[in-house]
Amino acid sequence: MPVMIPLTSAAHGGTSLSCGTHDAHCGTDCDCGCPYTGMEQRGLVEPISAVEARYPGEWLAFVIPAGEDEYAPDHGMLVVHSHDDAEVFAAIARVTFNQVVHVYFNGTLESFNATLSLD
């Protein structure tokens, strides 16, 4: 599975080992070190357009930082990318409950249809 970073640990953008555990109260205003409070400080947020340029014709999934438009974000933390949508959605199922996730196919309808014919 092409999970780029451990999604349920401090490595996914948090700054504390309690991040993503049942003991932590994670959210946009928490201090437990979850991605909402740690991913920007750790330099894991980047322009989505830059990521799209690197992975054309792939499924992309981002965790969206607080303050971004969750329906049309400009910046995010890429957590997984793949040509296989099932791999991406399986990885996203591991994202902690309190994060805004943006998942989509980064390509044209024709390239999307071509991925369907590969199955």
PDB file of N, CA and C in Angstrom:
ATOM      1  N   MET A   1       0.842  -1.173   0.000  1.00  0.00           N
ATOM      2  CA  MET A   1       0.000   0.000   0.000  1.00  0.00           C
ATOM      3  C   MET A   1       0.893   1.245   0.000  1.00  0.00           C
ATOM      4  N   PRO A   2       0.577   2.238  -0.806  1.00  0.00           N
ATOM      5  CA  PRO A   2       1.467   3.382  -0.956  1.00  0.00           C
ATOM      6  C   PRO A   2       1.257   4.484   0.086  1.00  0.00           C
ATOM      7  N   VAL A   3       1.109   4.128   1.348  1.00  0.00           N
ATOM      8  CA  VAL A   3       0.953   5.146   2.375  1.00  0.00           C
ATOM      9  C   VAL A   3       2.291   5.843   2.540  1.00  0.00           C
ATOM     10  N   MET A   4       2.295   7.141   2.374  1.00  0.00           N
ATOM     11  CA  MET A   4       3.539   7.880   2.395  1.00  0.00           C
ATOM     12  C   MET A   4       4.074   8.089   3.806  1.00  0.00           C
ATOM     13  N   ILE A   5       3.175   8.296   4.754  1.00  0.00           N
ATOM     14  CA  ILE A   5       3.593   8.552   6.122  1.00  0.00           C
ATOM     15  C   ILE A   5       2.662   7.818   7.065  1.00  0.00           C
ATOM     16  N   PRO A   6       3.130   7.432   8.242  1.00  0.00           N
ATOM     17  CA  PRO A   6       2.232   6.773   9.205  1.00  0.00           C
ATOM     18  C   PRO A   6       1.099   7.732   9.575  1.00  0.00           C
ATOM     19  N   LEU A   7      -0.119   7.339   9.312  1.00  0.00           N
ATOM     20  CA  LEU A   7      -1.231   8.264   9.447  1.00  0.00           C
ATOM     21  C   LEU A   7      -1.783   8.368  10.863  1.00  0.00           C
ATOM     22  N   THR A   8      -1.429   7.481  11.733  1.00  0.00           N
ATOM     23  CA  THR A   8      -2.004   7.518  13.078  1.00  0.00           C
ATOM     24  C   THR A   8      -0.925   7.659  14.133  1.00  0.00           C
ATOM     25  N   SER A   9       0.112   8.385  13.814  1.00  0.00           N
ATOM     26  CA  SER A   9       1.189   8.598  14.772  1.00  0.00           C
ATOM     27  C   SER A   9       1.635  10.048  14.694  1.00  0.00           C
ATOM     28  N   ALA A  10       2.520  10.426  15.583  1.00  0.00           N
ATOM     29  CA  ALA A  10       3.030  11.790  15.560  1.00  0.00           C
ATOM     30  C   ALA A  10       3.742  12.087  14.244  1.00  0.00           C
ATOM     31  N   ALA A  11       4.225  11.059  13.543  1.00  0.00           N
ATOM     32  CA  ALA A  11       4.938  11.270  12.281  1.00  0.00           C
ATOM     33  C   ALA A  11       4.039  11.832  11.191  1.00  0.00           C
ATOM     34  N   HIS A  12       2.715  11.731  11.350  1.00  0.00           N
ATOM     35  CA  HIS A  12       1.836  12.243  10.305  1.00  0.00           C
ATOM     36  C   HIS A  12       1.631  13.747  10.395  1.00  0.00           C
ATOM     37  N   GLY A  13       2.467  14.398  11.120  1.00  0.00           N
ATOM     38  CA  GLY A  13       2.379  15.845  11.197  1.00  0.00           C
ATOM     39  C   GLY A  13       2.272  16.361  12.601  1.00  0.00           C
ATOM     40  N   GLY A  14       2.048  15.460  13.522  1.00  0.00           N
ATOM     41  CA  GLY A  14       1.925  15.877  14.910  1.00  0.00           C
ATOM     42  C   GLY A  14       3.276  16.153  15.534  1.00  0.00           C
ATOM     43  N   THR A  15       3.241  16.708  16.708  1.00  0.00           N
ATOM     44  CA  THR A  15       4.465  17.039  17.423  1.00  0.00           C
ATOM     45  C   THR A  15       4.551  16.309  18.758  1.00  0.00           C
ATOM     46  N   SER A  16       3.625  15.400  19.003  1.00  0.00           N
ATOM     47  CA  SER A  16       3.580  14.681  20.267  1.00  0.00           C
ATOM     48  C   SER A  16       3.233  13.222  20.020  1.00  0.00           C
ATOM     49  N   LEU A  17       3.773  12.325  20.818  1.00  0.00           N
ATOM     50  CA  LEU A  17       3.470  10.906  20.657  1.00  0.00           C
ATOM     51  C   LEU A  17       2.026  10.577  21.031  1.00  0.00           C
ATOM     52  N   SER A  18       1.358  11.458  21.777  1.00  0.00           N
ATOM     53  CA  SER A  18      -0.035  11.195  22.131  1.00  0.00           C
ATOM     54  C   SER A  18      -0.988  11.503  20.981  1.00  0.00           C
ATOM     55  N   CYS A  19      -0.495  12.167  19.970  1.00  0.00           N
ATOM     56  CA  CYS A  19      -1.322  12.531  18.827  1.00  0.00           C
ATOM     57  C   CYS A  19      -1.915  11.286  18.175  1.00  0.00           C
ATOM     58  N   GLY A  20      -3.224  11.318  17.958  1.00  0.00           N
ATOM     59  CA  GLY A  20      -3.897  10.218  17.299  1.00  0.00           C
ATOM     60  C   GLY A  20      -4.240   9.054  18.207  1.00  0.00           C
ATOM     61  N   THR A  21      -3.921   9.151  19.496  1.00  0.00           N
ATOM     62  CA  THR A  21      -4.270   8.084  20.428  1.00  0.00           C
ATOM     63  C   THR A  21      -5.620   8.388  21.055  1.00  0.00           C
ATOM     64  N   HIS A  22      -6.171   7.403  21.729  1.00  0.00           N
ATOM     65  CA  HIS A  22      -7.461   7.599  22.387  1.00  0.00           C
ATOM     66  C   HIS A  22      -7.339   8.542  23.582  1.00  0.00           C
ATOM     67  N   ASP A  23      -6.129   8.720  24.098  1.00  0.00           N
ATOM     68  CA  ASP A  23      -5.922   9.609  25.241  1.00  0.00           C
ATOM     69  C   ASP A  23      -5.933  11.077  24.844  1.00  0.00           C
ATOM     70  N   ALA A  24      -5.708  11.353  23.575  1.00  0.00           N
ATOM     71  CA  ALA A  24      -5.577  12.737  23.119  1.00  0.00           C
ATOM     72  C   ALA A  24      -6.922  13.286  22.677  1.00  0.00           C
ATOM     73  N   HIS A  25      -7.164  14.547  22.957  1.00  0.00           N
ATOM     74  CA  HIS A  25      -8.328  15.257  22.441  1.00  0.00           C
ATOM     75  C   HIS A  25      -7.836  16.094  21.258  1.00  0.00           C
ATOM     76  N   CYS A  26      -7.958  15.546  20.065  1.00  0.00           N
ATOM     77  CA  CYS A  26      -7.432  16.217  18.880  1.00  0.00           C
ATOM     78  C   CYS A  26      -8.512  17.060  18.220  1.00  0.00           C
ATOM     79  N   GLY A  27      -8.113  18.155  17.660  1.00  0.00           N
ATOM     80  CA  GLY A  27      -9.028  19.030  16.936  1.00  0.00           C
ATOM     81  C   GLY A  27      -8.301  20.266  16.466  1.00  0.00           C
ATOM     82  N   THR A  28      -9.038  21.165  15.855  1.00  0.00           N
ATOM     83  CA  THR A  28      -8.405  22.347  15.284  1.00  0.00           C
ATOM     84  C   THR A  28      -7.825  23.281  16.330  1.00  0.00           C
ATOM     85  N   ASP A  29      -8.232  23.148  17.578  1.00  0.00           N
ATOM     86  CA  ASP A  29      -7.722  24.020  18.631  1.00  0.00           C
ATOM     87  C   ASP A  29      -7.024  23.244  19.752  1.00  0.00           C
ATOM     88  N   CYS A  30      -6.583  22.041  19.473  1.00  0.00           N
ATOM     89  CA  CYS A  30      -5.965  21.215  20.512  1.00  0.00           C
ATOM     90  C   CYS A  30      -4.492  21.570  20.705  1.00  0.00           C
ATOM     91  N   ASP A  31      -3.914  21.000  21.750  1.00  0.00           N
ATOM     92  CA  ASP A  31      -2.483  21.188  21.978  1.00  0.00           C
ATOM     93  C   ASP A  31      -1.761  19.847  22.107  1.00  0.00           C
ATOM     94  N   CYS A  32      -2.380  18.786  21.563  1.00  0.00           N
ATOM     95  CA  CYS A  32      -1.801  17.445  21.692  1.00  0.00           C
ATOM     96  C   CYS A  32      -0.751  17.163  20.624  1.00  0.00           C
ATOM     97  N   GLY A  33      -0.642  18.016  19.630  1.00  0.00           N
ATOM     98  CA  GLY A  33       0.350  17.807  18.587  1.00  0.00           C
ATOM     99  C   GLY A  33      -0.180  17.105  17.364  1.00  0.00           C
ATOM    100  N   CYS A  34      -1.497  17.101  17.168  1.00  0.00           N
ATOM    101  CA  CYS A  34      -2.049  16.451  15.978  1.00  0.00           C
ATOM    102  C   CYS A  34      -1.713  17.277  14.732  1.00  0.00           C
ATOM    103  N   PRO A  35      -1.972  16.748  13.538  1.00  0.00           N
ATOM    104  CA  PRO A  35      -1.612  17.470  12.318  1.00  0.00           C
ATOM    105  C   PRO A  35      -2.166  18.883  12.237  1.00  0.00           C
ATOM    106  N   TYR A  36      -3.343  19.108  12.816  1.00  0.00           N
ATOM    107  CA  TYR A  36      -3.882  20.460  12.765  1.00  0.00           C
ATOM    108  C   TYR A  36      -2.960  21.459  13.437  1.00  0.00           C
ATOM    109  N   THR A  37      -2.222  21.026  14.431  1.00  0.00           N
ATOM    110  CA  THR A  37      -1.341  21.954  15.135  1.00  0.00           C
ATOM    111  C   THR A  37       0.129  21.734  14.819  1.00  0.00           C
ATOM    112  N   GLY A  38       0.470  20.654  14.112  1.00  0.00           N
ATOM    113  CA  GLY A  38       1.868  20.346  13.879  1.00  0.00           C
ATOM    114  C   GLY A  38       2.337  20.297  12.446  1.00  0.00           C
ATOM    115  N   MET A  39       1.445  20.057  11.492  1.00  0.00           N
ATOM    116  CA  MET A  39       1.925  19.818  10.131  1.00  0.00           C
ATOM    117  C   MET A  39       2.543  21.043   9.488  1.00  0.00           C
ATOM    118  N   GLU A  40       2.051  22.224   9.803  1.00  0.00           N
ATOM    119  CA  GLU A  40       2.659  23.421   9.219  1.00  0.00           C
ATOM    120  C   GLU A  40       4.014  23.710   9.843  1.00  0.00           C
ATOM    121  N   GLN A  41       4.118  23.557  11.180  1.00  0.00           N
ATOM    122  CA  GLN A  41       5.394  23.801  11.843  1.00  0.00           C
ATOM    123  C   GLN A  41       6.479  22.849  11.354  1.00  0.00           C
ATOM    124  N   ARG A  42       6.099  21.643  10.997  1.00  0.00           N
ATOM    125  CA  ARG A  42       7.067  20.653  10.533  1.00  0.00           C
ATOM    126  C   ARG A  42       7.348  20.761   9.043  1.00  0.00           C
ATOM    127  N   GLY A  43       6.737  21.705   8.372  1.00  0.00           N
ATOM    128  CA  GLY A  43       6.998  21.918   6.945  1.00  0.00           C
ATOM    129  C   GLY A  43       6.380  20.872   6.042  1.00  0.00           C
ATOM    130  N   LEU A  44       5.286  20.251   6.469  1.00  0.00           N
ATOM    131  CA  LEU A  44       4.659  19.200   5.677  1.00  0.00           C
ATOM    132  C   LEU A  44       3.528  19.701   4.791  1.00  0.00           C
ATOM    133  N   VAL A  45       3.165  20.968   4.935  1.00  0.00           N
ATOM    134  CA  VAL A  45       2.108  21.556   4.125  1.00  0.00           C
ATOM    135  C   VAL A  45       2.749  22.202   2.901  1.00  0.00           C
ATOM    136  N   GLU A  46       2.160  21.959   1.755  1.00  0.00           N
ATOM    137  CA  GLU A  46       2.681  22.540   0.515  1.00  0.00           C
ATOM    138  C   GLU A  46       1.525  22.906  -0.397  1.00  0.00           C
ATOM    139  N   PRO A  47       1.787  23.728  -1.406  1.00  0.00           N
ATOM    140  CA  PRO A  47       0.723  24.078  -2.351  1.00  0.00           C
ATOM    141  C   PRO A  47       0.233  22.825  -3.085  1.00  0.00           C
ATOM    142  N   ILE A  48      -1.063  22.667  -3.140  1.00  0.00           N
ATOM    143  CA  ILE A  48      -1.642  21.506  -3.813  1.00  0.00           C
ATOM    144  C   ILE A  48      -1.277  21.501  -5.291  1.00  0.00           C
ATOM    145  N   SER A  49      -1.177  22.661  -5.906  1.00  0.00           N
ATOM    146  CA  SER A  49      -0.816  22.723  -7.328  1.00  0.00           C
ATOM    147  C   SER A  49       0.570  22.133  -7.584  1.00  0.00           C
ATOM    148  N   ALA A  50       1.490  22.287  -6.638  1.00  0.00           N
ATOM    149  CA  ALA A  50       2.833  21.705  -6.794  1.00  0.00           C
ATOM    150  C   ALA A  50       2.781  20.188  -6.734  1.00  0.00           C
ATOM    151  N   VAL A  51       1.935  19.662  -5.880  1.00  0.00           N
ATOM    152  CA  VAL A  51       1.782  18.207  -5.774  1.00  0.00           C
ATOM    153  C   VAL A  51       1.118  17.664  -7.034  1.00  0.00           C
ATOM    154  N   GLU A  52       0.100  18.359  -7.510  1.00  0.00           N
ATOM    155  CA  GLU A  52      -0.585  17.925  -8.735  1.00  0.00           C
ATOM    156  C   GLU A  52       0.381  17.825  -9.908  1.00  0.00           C
ATOM    157  N   ALA A  53       1.327  18.736  -9.993  1.00  0.00           N
ATOM    158  CA  ALA A  53       2.308  18.710 -11.078  1.00  0.00           C
ATOM    159  C   ALA A  53       3.211  17.480 -10.987  1.00  0.00           C
ATOM    160  N   ARG A  54       3.469  17.000  -9.793  1.00  0.00           N
ATOM    161  CA  ARG A  54       4.334  15.821  -9.605  1.00  0.00           C
ATOM    162  C   ARG A  54       3.612  14.505  -9.872  1.00  0.00           C
ATOM    163  N   TYR A  55       2.294  14.465  -9.691  1.00  0.00           N
ATOM    164  CA  TYR A  55       1.553  13.207  -9.786  1.00  0.00           C
ATOM    165  C   TYR A  55       0.345  13.309 -10.720  1.00  0.00           C
ATOM    166  N   PRO A  56       0.551  13.613 -11.993  1.00  0.00           N
ATOM    167  CA  PRO A  56      -0.589  13.682 -12.909  1.00  0.00           C
ATOM    168  C   PRO A  56      -1.170  12.287 -13.142  1.00  0.00           C
ATOM    169  N   GLY A  57      -2.476  12.243 -13.302  1.00  0.00           N
ATOM    170  CA  GLY A  57      -3.136  10.981 -13.589  1.00  0.00           C
ATOM    171  C   GLY A  57      -3.177  10.015 -12.417  1.00  0.00           C
ATOM    172  N   GLU A  58      -3.037  10.515 -11.188  1.00  0.00           N
ATOM    173  CA  GLU A  58      -3.089   9.668  -9.998  1.00  0.00           C
ATOM    174  C   GLU A  58      -4.159  10.172  -9.041  1.00  0.00           C
ATOM    175  N   TRP A  59      -4.581   9.284  -8.156  1.00  0.00           N
ATOM    176  CA  TRP A  59      -5.447   9.653  -7.044  1.00  0.00           C
ATOM    177  C   TRP A  59      -4.573  10.286  -5.981  1.00  0.00           C
ATOM    178  N   LEU A  60      -5.034  11.419  -5.428  1.00  0.00           N
ATOM    179  CA  LEU A  60      -4.302  12.142  -4.401  1.00  0.00           C
ATOM    180  C   LEU A  60      -5.183  12.287  -3.164  1.00  0.00           C
ATOM    181  N   ALA A  61      -4.562  12.225  -1.998  1.00  0.00           N
ATOM    182  CA  ALA A  61      -5.284  12.456  -0.748  1.00  0.00           C
ATOM    183  C   ALA A  61      -4.453  13.367   0.141  1.00  0.00           C
ATOM    184  N   PHE A  62      -5.081  14.416   0.609  1.00  0.00           N
ATOM    185  CA  PHE A  62      -4.444  15.418   1.446  1.00  0.00           C
ATOM    186  C   PHE A  62      -5.166  15.531   2.776  1.00  0.00           C
ATOM    187  N   VAL A  63      -4.426  15.804   3.834  1.00  0.00           N
ATOM    188  CA  VAL A  63      -5.010  16.304   5.064  1.00  0.00           C
ATOM    189  C   VAL A  63      -4.943  17.816   4.938  1.00  0.00           C
ATOM    190  N   ILE A  64      -6.068  18.467   5.193  1.00  0.00           N
ATOM    191  CA  ILE A  64      -6.187  19.907   4.994  1.00  0.00           C
ATOM    192  C   ILE A  64      -5.992  20.626   6.323  1.00  0.00           C
ATOM    193  N   PRO A  65      -5.077  21.593   6.364  1.00  0.00           N
ATOM    194  CA  PRO A  65      -4.837  22.312   7.619  1.00  0.00           C
ATOM    195  C   PRO A  65      -5.990  23.255   7.969  1.00  0.00           C
ATOM    196  N   ALA A  66      -6.083  23.567   9.237  1.00  0.00           N
ATOM    197  CA  ALA A  66      -7.092  24.517   9.703  1.00  0.00           C
ATOM    198  C   ALA A  66      -6.911  25.840   8.974  1.00  0.00           C
ATOM    199  N   GLY A  67      -8.020  26.475   8.663  1.00  0.00           N
ATOM    200  CA  GLY A  67      -7.971  27.765   7.978  1.00  0.00           C
ATOM    201  C   GLY A  67      -8.095  27.672   6.475  1.00  0.00           C
ATOM    202  N   GLU A  68      -7.892  26.487   5.912  1.00  0.00           N
ATOM    203  CA  GLU A  68      -8.057  26.301   4.461  1.00  0.00           C
ATOM    204  C   GLU A  68      -9.525  26.005   4.156  1.00  0.00           C
ATOM    205  N   ASP A  69      -9.938  26.344   2.958  1.00  0.00           N
ATOM    206  CA  ASP A  69     -11.279  25.989   2.494  1.00  0.00           C
ATOM    207  C   ASP A  69     -11.290  24.477   2.292  1.00  0.00           C
ATOM    208  N   GLU A  70     -12.087  23.770   3.069  1.00  0.00           N
ATOM    209  CA  GLU A  70     -12.052  22.306   2.985  1.00  0.00           C
ATOM    210  C   GLU A  70     -12.639  21.762   1.691  1.00  0.00           C
ATOM    211  N   TYR A  71     -13.353  22.586   0.930  1.00  0.00           N
ATOM    212  CA  TYR A  71     -13.920  22.144  -0.344  1.00  0.00           C
ATOM    213  C   TYR A  71     -13.043  22.507  -1.534  1.00  0.00           C
ATOM    214  N   ALA A  72     -12.224  23.523  -1.391  1.00  0.00           N
ATOM    215  CA  ALA A  72     -11.319  23.948  -2.467  1.00  0.00           C
ATOM    216  C   ALA A  72     -10.027  24.468  -1.840  1.00  0.00           C
ATOM    217  N   PRO A  73      -9.260  23.586  -1.214  1.00  0.00           N
ATOM    218  CA  PRO A  73      -8.041  24.030  -0.519  1.00  0.00           C
ATOM    219  C   PRO A  73      -6.925  24.403  -1.491  1.00  0.00           C
ATOM    220  N   ASP A  74      -6.090  25.331  -1.067  1.00  0.00           N
ATOM    221  CA  ASP A  74      -4.911  25.709  -1.838  1.00  0.00           C
ATOM    222  C   ASP A  74      -3.664  24.989  -1.327  1.00  0.00           C
ATOM    223  N   HIS A  75      -3.661  24.613  -0.053  1.00  0.00           N
ATOM    224  CA  HIS A  75      -2.515  23.962   0.588  1.00  0.00           C
ATOM    225  C   HIS A  75      -2.983  22.731   1.344  1.00  0.00           C
ATOM    226  N   GLY A  76      -2.098  21.764   1.469  1.00  0.00           N
ATOM    227  CA  GLY A  76      -2.419  20.565   2.220  1.00  0.00           C
ATOM    228  C   GLY A  76      -1.173  19.720   2.431  1.00  0.00           C
ATOM    229  N   MET A  77      -1.357  18.649   3.195  1.00  0.00           N
ATOM    230  CA  MET A  77      -0.283  17.698   3.436  1.00  0.00           C
ATOM    231  C   MET A  77      -0.638  16.406   2.689  1.00  0.00           C
ATOM    232  N   LEU A  78       0.136  16.073   1.670  1.00  0.00           N
ATOM    233  CA  LEU A  78      -0.099  14.851   0.913  1.00  0.00           C
ATOM    234  C   LEU A  78       0.169  13.654   1.814  1.00  0.00           C
ATOM    235  N   VAL A  79      -0.819  12.769   1.933  1.00  0.00           N
ATOM    236  CA  VAL A  79      -0.619  11.579   2.756  1.00  0.00           C
ATOM    237  C   VAL A  79      -0.547  10.309   1.930  1.00  0.00           C
ATOM    238  N   VAL A  80      -1.116  10.324   0.736  1.00  0.00           N
ATOM    239  CA  VAL A  80      -1.036   9.135  -0.116  1.00  0.00           C
ATOM    240  C   VAL A  80      -1.348   9.528  -1.563  1.00  0.00           C
ATOM    241  N   HIS A  81      -0.714   8.800  -2.488  1.00  0.00           N
ATOM    242  CA  HIS A  81      -1.023   8.958  -3.912  1.00  0.00           C
ATOM    243  C   HIS A  81      -0.850   7.602  -4.565  1.00  0.00           C
ATOM    244  N   SER A  82      -1.657   7.338  -5.584  1.00  0.00           N
ATOM    245  CA  SER A  82      -1.581   6.055  -6.283  1.00  0.00           C
ATOM    246  C   SER A  82      -2.413   6.119  -7.553  1.00  0.00           C
ATOM    247  N   HIS A  83      -2.107   5.221  -8.486  1.00  0.00           N
ATOM    248  CA  HIS A  83      -2.957   5.049  -9.665  1.00  0.00           C
ATOM    249  C   HIS A  83      -4.198   4.247  -9.302  1.00  0.00           C
ATOM    250  N   ASP A  84      -4.156   3.546  -8.185  1.00  0.00           N
ATOM    251  CA  ASP A  84      -5.242   2.668  -7.744  1.00  0.00           C
ATOM    252  C   ASP A  84      -6.072   3.357  -6.665  1.00  0.00           C
ATOM    253  N   ASP A  85      -7.322   3.678  -6.978  1.00  0.00           N
ATOM    254  CA  ASP A  85      -8.169   4.366  -6.003  1.00  0.00           C
ATOM    255  C   ASP A  85      -8.425   3.531  -4.759  1.00  0.00           C
ATOM    256  N   ALA A  86      -8.475   2.213  -4.888  1.00  0.00           N
ATOM    257  CA  ALA A  86      -8.712   1.359  -3.719  1.00  0.00           C
ATOM    258  C   ALA A  86      -7.578   1.489  -2.702  1.00  0.00           C
ATOM    259  N   GLU A  87      -6.350   1.613  -3.180  1.00  0.00           N
ATOM    260  CA  GLU A  87      -5.219   1.800  -2.268  1.00  0.00           C
ATOM    261  C   GLU A  87      -5.327   3.115  -1.525  1.00  0.00           C
ATOM    262  N   VAL A  88      -5.744   4.159  -2.220  1.00  0.00           N
ATOM    263  CA  VAL A  88      -5.870   5.472  -1.599  1.00  0.00           C
ATOM    264  C   VAL A  88      -6.964   5.460  -0.540  1.00  0.00           C
ATOM    265  N   PHE A  89      -8.124   4.906  -0.869  1.00  0.00           N
ATOM    266  CA  PHE A  89      -9.219   4.900   0.102  1.00  0.00           C
ATOM    267  C   PHE A  89      -8.919   3.978   1.283  1.00  0.00           C
ATOM    268  N   ALA A  90      -8.181   2.910   1.065  1.00  0.00           N
ATOM    269  CA  ALA A  90      -7.762   2.055   2.186  1.00  0.00           C
ATOM    270  C   ALA A  90      -6.824   2.814   3.116  1.00  0.00           C
ATOM    271  N   ALA A  91      -5.939   3.609   2.546  1.00  0.00           N
ATOM    272  CA  ALA A  91      -5.025   4.405   3.370  1.00  0.00           C
ATOM    273  C   ALA A  91      -5.782   5.485   4.127  1.00  0.00           C
ATOM    274  N   ILE A  92      -6.727   6.122   3.479  1.00  0.00           N
ATOM    275  CA  ILE A  92      -7.484   7.201   4.108  1.00  0.00           C
ATOM    276  C   ILE A  92      -8.309   6.682   5.279  1.00  0.00           C
ATOM    277  N   ALA A  93      -8.713   5.440   5.225  1.00  0.00           N
ATOM    278  CA  ALA A  93      -9.461   4.862   6.345  1.00  0.00           C
ATOM    279  C   ALA A  93      -8.631   4.851   7.623  1.00  0.00           C
ATOM    280  N   ARG A  94      -7.317   5.001   7.506  1.00  0.00           N
ATOM    281  CA  ARG A  94      -6.437   5.003   8.663  1.00  0.00           C
ATOM    282  C   ARG A  94      -6.166   6.398   9.213  1.00  0.00           C
ATOM    283  N   VAL A  95      -6.691   7.436   8.561  1.00  0.00           N
ATOM    284  CA  VAL A  95      -6.487   8.803   9.035  1.00  0.00           C
ATOM    285  C   VAL A  95      -7.302   9.002  10.308  1.00  0.00           C
ATOM    286  N   THR A  96      -6.739   9.700  11.280  1.00  0.00           N
ATOM    287  CA  THR A  96      -7.460   9.914  12.525  1.00  0.00           C
ATOM    288  C   THR A  96      -8.748  10.687  12.272  1.00  0.00           C
ATOM    289  N   PHE A  97      -9.711  10.462  13.125  1.00  0.00           N
ATOM    290  CA  PHE A  97     -11.086  10.890  12.920  1.00  0.00           C
ATOM    291  C   PHE A  97     -11.284  12.393  12.770  1.00  0.00           C
ATOM    292  N   ASN A  98     -10.407  13.187  13.308  1.00  0.00           N
ATOM    293  CA  ASN A  98     -10.661  14.617  13.405  1.00  0.00           C
ATOM    294  C   ASN A  98     -10.058  15.442  12.270  1.00  0.00           C
ATOM    295  N   GLN A  99      -9.578  14.814  11.237  1.00  0.00           N
ATOM    296  CA  GLN A  99      -8.892  15.544  10.180  1.00  0.00           C
ATOM    297  C   GLN A  99      -9.759  15.687   8.944  1.00  0.00           C
ATOM    298  N   VAL A 100      -9.647  16.837   8.310  1.00  0.00           N
ATOM    299  CA  VAL A 100     -10.340  17.072   7.040  1.00  0.00           C
ATOM    300  C   VAL A 100      -9.463  16.486   5.948  1.00  0.00           C
ATOM    301  N   VAL A 101     -10.037  15.577   5.158  1.00  0.00           N
ATOM    302  CA  VAL A 101      -9.290  14.887   4.115  1.00  0.00           C
ATOM    303  C   VAL A 101      -9.896  15.244   2.758  1.00  0.00           C
ATOM    304  N   HIS A 102      -9.047  15.522   1.805  1.00  0.00           N
ATOM    305  CA  HIS A 102      -9.451  15.888   0.447  1.00  0.00           C
ATOM    306  C   HIS A 102      -8.881  14.816  -0.484  1.00  0.00           C
ATOM    307  N   VAL A 103      -9.770  14.068  -1.167  1.00  0.00           N
ATOM    308  CA  VAL A 103      -9.356  12.974  -2.053  1.00  0.00           C
ATOM    309  C   VAL A 103      -9.963  13.219  -3.435  1.00  0.00           C
ATOM    310  N   TYR A 104      -9.140  13.054  -4.474  1.00  0.00           N
ATOM    311  CA  TYR A 104      -9.654  13.228  -5.826  1.00  0.00           C
ATOM    312  C   TYR A 104      -8.689  12.632  -6.848  1.00  0.00           C
ATOM    313  N   PHE A 105      -9.200  12.454  -8.074  1.00  0.00           N
ATOM    314  CA  PHE A 105      -8.381  11.994  -9.187  1.00  0.00           C
ATOM    315  C   PHE A 105      -7.782  13.213  -9.866  1.00  0.00           C
ATOM    316  N   ASN A 106      -6.480  13.232 -10.022  1.00  0.00           N
ATOM    317  CA  ASN A 106      -5.758  14.367 -10.592  1.00  0.00           C
ATOM    318  C   ASN A 106      -5.495  14.120 -12.076  1.00  0.00           C
ATOM    319  N   GLY A 107      -6.540  14.248 -12.859  1.00  0.00           N
ATOM    320  CA  GLY A 107      -6.374  14.029 -14.291  1.00  0.00           C
ATOM    321  C   GLY A 107      -7.652  14.329 -15.040  1.00  0.00           C
ATOM    322  N   THR A 108      -7.617  14.033 -16.303  1.00  0.00           N
ATOM    323  CA  THR A 108      -8.762  14.267 -17.176  1.00  0.00           C
ATOM    324  C   THR A 108      -9.725  13.095 -17.107  1.00  0.00           C
ATOM    325  N   LEU A 109     -10.917  13.303 -17.597  1.00  0.00           N
ATOM    326  CA  LEU A 109     -11.901  12.227 -17.665  1.00  0.00           C
ATOM    327  C   LEU A 109     -11.373  11.083 -18.533  1.00  0.00           C
ATOM    328  N   GLU A 110     -10.674  11.436 -19.615  1.00  0.00           N
ATOM    329  CA  GLU A 110     -10.120  10.401 -20.494  1.00  0.00           C
ATOM    330  C   GLU A 110      -9.072   9.554 -19.763  1.00  0.00           C
ATOM    331  N   SER A 111      -8.205  10.212 -18.980  1.00  0.00           N
ATOM    332  CA  SER A 111      -7.190   9.441 -18.252  1.00  0.00           C
ATOM    333  C   SER A 111      -7.822   8.632 -17.124  1.00  0.00           C
ATOM    334  N   PHE A 112      -8.909   9.142 -16.541  1.00  0.00           N
ATOM    335  CA  PHE A 112      -9.631   8.376 -15.525  1.00  0.00           C
ATOM    336  C   PHE A 112     -10.242   7.127 -16.148  1.00  0.00           C
ATOM    337  N   ASN A 113     -10.886   7.287 -17.299  1.00  0.00           N
ATOM    338  CA  ASN A 113     -11.490   6.146 -17.988  1.00  0.00           C
ATOM    339  C   ASN A 113     -10.424   5.121 -18.382  1.00  0.00           C
ATOM    340  N   ALA A 114      -9.222   5.582 -18.722  1.00  0.00           N
ATOM    341  CA  ALA A 114      -8.142   4.668 -19.066  1.00  0.00           C
ATOM    342  C   ALA A 114      -7.722   3.833 -17.860  1.00  0.00           C
ATOM    343  N   THR A 115      -7.765   4.409 -16.652  1.00  0.00           N
ATOM    344  CA  THR A 115      -7.421   3.632 -15.457  1.00  0.00           C
ATOM    345  C   THR A 115      -8.476   2.573 -15.194  1.00  0.00           C
ATOM    346  N   LEU A 116      -9.733   2.847 -15.554  1.00  0.00           N
ATOM    347  CA  LEU A 116     -10.782   1.867 -15.365  1.00  0.00           C
ATOM    348  C   LEU A 116     -10.591   0.660 -16.284  1.00  0.00           C
ATOM    349  N   SER A 117     -10.078   0.893 -17.465  1.00  0.00           N
ATOM    350  CA  SER A 117      -9.883  -0.213 -18.414  1.00  0.00           C
ATOM    351  C   SER A 117      -8.711  -1.097 -18.005  1.00  0.00           C
ATOM    352  N   LEU A 118      -7.857  -0.612 -17.103  1.00  0.00           N
ATOM    353  CA  LEU A 118      -6.740  -1.421 -16.643  1.00  0.00           C
ATOM    354  C   LEU A 118      -7.164  -2.459 -15.612  1.00  0.00           C
ATOM    355  N   ASP A 119      -8.319  -2.246 -14.984  1.00  0.00           N
ATOM    356  CA  ASP A 119      -8.783  -3.169 -13.931  1.00  0.00           C
ATOM    357  C   ASP A 119      -9.275  -4.472 -14.450  1.00  0.00           C
TER     358      ASP A 119
END
